[in-house]
């Protein structure tokens, strides 16, 4: 893992980005103390239907709330 100071990072940002994209790990330090790691951006991937093959459940278990818990959360807010 390479470590560069803030001044070097400012003047060599394009080269540092190219190195990160090539797989190198780079840390930017201030006064010798690491403060930031440069990492490549990754798009968010959302997977739908992940639990589609899971066992059935009784949805009534999740409907409504326990009266005591409702009292704790909503007492005086009605």
Protein backbone atom coordinates (compact mmCIF):
# COMPACT_ATOMS: atom_id res chain seq x y z
CA UNK A 1 0.00 0.00 0.00
CA UNK A 2 1.43 3.34 -1.06
CA UNK A 3 1.12 6.40 1.15
CA UNK A 4 1.37 9.95 -0.20
CA UNK A 5 1.07 13.30 1.51
CA UNK A 6 -1.72 15.77 0.78
CA UNK A 7 0.50 18.09 -1.28
CA UNK A 8 1.65 15.23 -3.51
CA UNK A 9 -1.93 13.99 -3.85
CA UNK A 10 -3.10 17.43 -5.00
CA UNK A 11 -0.39 17.74 -7.61
CA UNK A 12 -0.52 14.10 -8.79
CA UNK A 13 -4.24 13.32 -8.52
CA UNK A 14 -4.67 12.04 -12.09
CA UNK A 15 -1.70 9.69 -11.75
CA UNK A 16 -2.95 8.45 -8.36
CA UNK A 17 -6.39 7.74 -9.82
CA UNK A 18 -4.79 5.73 -12.61
CA UNK A 19 -2.79 3.71 -10.08
CA UNK A 20 -5.92 2.98 -8.01
CA UNK A 21 -7.81 1.89 -11.12
CA UNK A 22 -4.91 -0.44 -11.90
CA UNK A 23 -5.44 -2.12 -8.53
CA UNK A 24 -2.99 -0.32 -6.25
CA UNK A 25 -4.06 0.74 -2.74
CA UNK A 26 -3.20 4.35 -1.96
CA UNK A 27 -3.54 6.23 1.32
CA UNK A 28 -3.34 10.00 1.62
CA UNK A 29 -1.67 11.20 4.81
CA UNK A 30 -1.50 14.53 6.60
CA UNK A 31 1.73 15.08 8.56
CA UNK A 32 2.45 11.36 8.25
CA UNK A 33 -0.92 10.30 9.67
CA UNK A 34 -3.19 8.39 7.27
CA UNK A 35 -6.49 10.23 6.73
CA UNK A 36 -8.02 8.99 3.45
CA UNK A 37 -7.88 5.85 1.34
CA UNK A 38 -8.41 6.14 -2.42
CA UNK A 39 -10.67 3.38 -3.73
CA UNK A 40 -12.36 2.83 -7.09
CA UNK A 41 -16.05 3.67 -7.33
CA UNK A 42 -18.46 0.73 -7.60
CA UNK A 43 -22.05 1.08 -8.78
CA UNK A 44 -24.73 -0.16 -6.41
CA UNK A 45 -26.24 -3.46 -7.51
CA UNK A 46 -29.69 -4.30 -6.17
CA UNK A 47 -30.77 -7.93 -6.29
CA UNK A 48 -34.52 -8.52 -6.28
CA UNK A 49 -36.14 -11.72 -5.05
CA UNK A 50 -33.22 -12.76 -2.91
CA UNK A 51 -35.49 -14.53 -0.40
CA UNK A 52 -37.97 -15.86 -2.94
CA UNK A 53 -37.14 -19.48 -2.10
CA UNK A 54 -37.40 -19.03 1.66
CA UNK A 55 -40.03 -20.79 3.75
CA UNK A 56 -43.52 -19.33 4.13
CA UNK A 57 -44.40 -17.37 7.28
CA UNK A 58 -47.58 -16.28 8.96
CA UNK A 59 -47.98 -12.59 8.09
CA UNK A 60 -50.38 -12.15 11.04
CA UNK A 61 -47.33 -12.37 13.29
CA UNK A 62 -46.17 -9.03 11.93
CA UNK A 63 -49.52 -7.23 11.71
CA UNK A 64 -50.37 -4.72 14.40
CA UNK A 65 -48.27 -4.25 17.47
CA UNK A 66 -48.10 -5.45 21.00
CA UNK A 67 -50.21 -3.15 23.22
CA UNK A 68 -47.44 -2.77 25.80
CA UNK A 69 -44.86 -1.83 23.16
CA UNK A 70 -47.27 0.64 21.55
CA UNK A 71 -47.79 2.23 24.97
CA UNK A 72 -43.99 2.61 25.41
CA UNK A 73 -43.49 4.26 22.02
CA UNK A 74 -46.67 6.24 21.56
CA UNK A 75 -47.88 7.17 25.04
CA UNK A 76 -48.98 10.80 25.01
CA UNK A 77 -48.48 11.18 21.25
CA UNK A 78 -52.02 10.29 20.29
